[in-house]
Amino acid sequence: MTEDRKTGARTLVAGVGNIFLGDDGFGVEAVRALATHPLPAHVEVVDIGVRGVHLAYQLLDGYDTLVLVDATARGGDPGTVYRIDVDSPGDIAPQGPVLDGHHMSPDAVLALLETLCSGTGGTPPCRTVVVGCEPATLEEGIGLSAPVAAAVPEAVRVIQEIVRESQAPVVGTAAREAGK
């Protein structure tokens, strides 16, 4: 076990999306590209795909920082990379009822995480950041559109920046609980 894991300074980078729906597979492709780069021992990179409920349960293992990587439609030009610092994951409400654990959006995962933590005594990440990319198409088809594929290296750079920030001293899970 590394020192980072002992102290709880853990970062999870999770790629989410459906690779069979064009640019919705952006998160998966971005974390695959990230995984080819050297990363600090405190960083875990996972391809969640459409298994959002698995992400929620994995987060119960305790992470200080969560980086969600996903296609994010915000009205910009296709291929625009966004960094969204989430102030309070518990304030994000899913757009509809969560009926299928395999088709949970990131906002539904974060809402479920709050519920799971309150029931298990777990603690959600201190910090959540979304690295998103404006999709060109979400229609059936394998592979990213040209502008979204071209944005993958920029997303990797943004994620690496967040990882560097996560190495700075932060109030960890144990310190946060002691301050309650």
Foldseek 3Di string as FASTA:
>chain_A
DDPCVVVQLAEEEEFEAAQQFAQQNLSQVLLVVLVVDDADPRYDYYYCYQQLLVVLVVQLSGYQEYEYEGADADPDDFLDKDKAKDQQLCVQDDPDDDDDNSHDDPSRSSNVSVVVCVVPVGDGHNTYMYIHGHAPTRHGDGYYDVSSVVNSVVSSVVVVVVSVVSPPDDCGPVNVVVVD
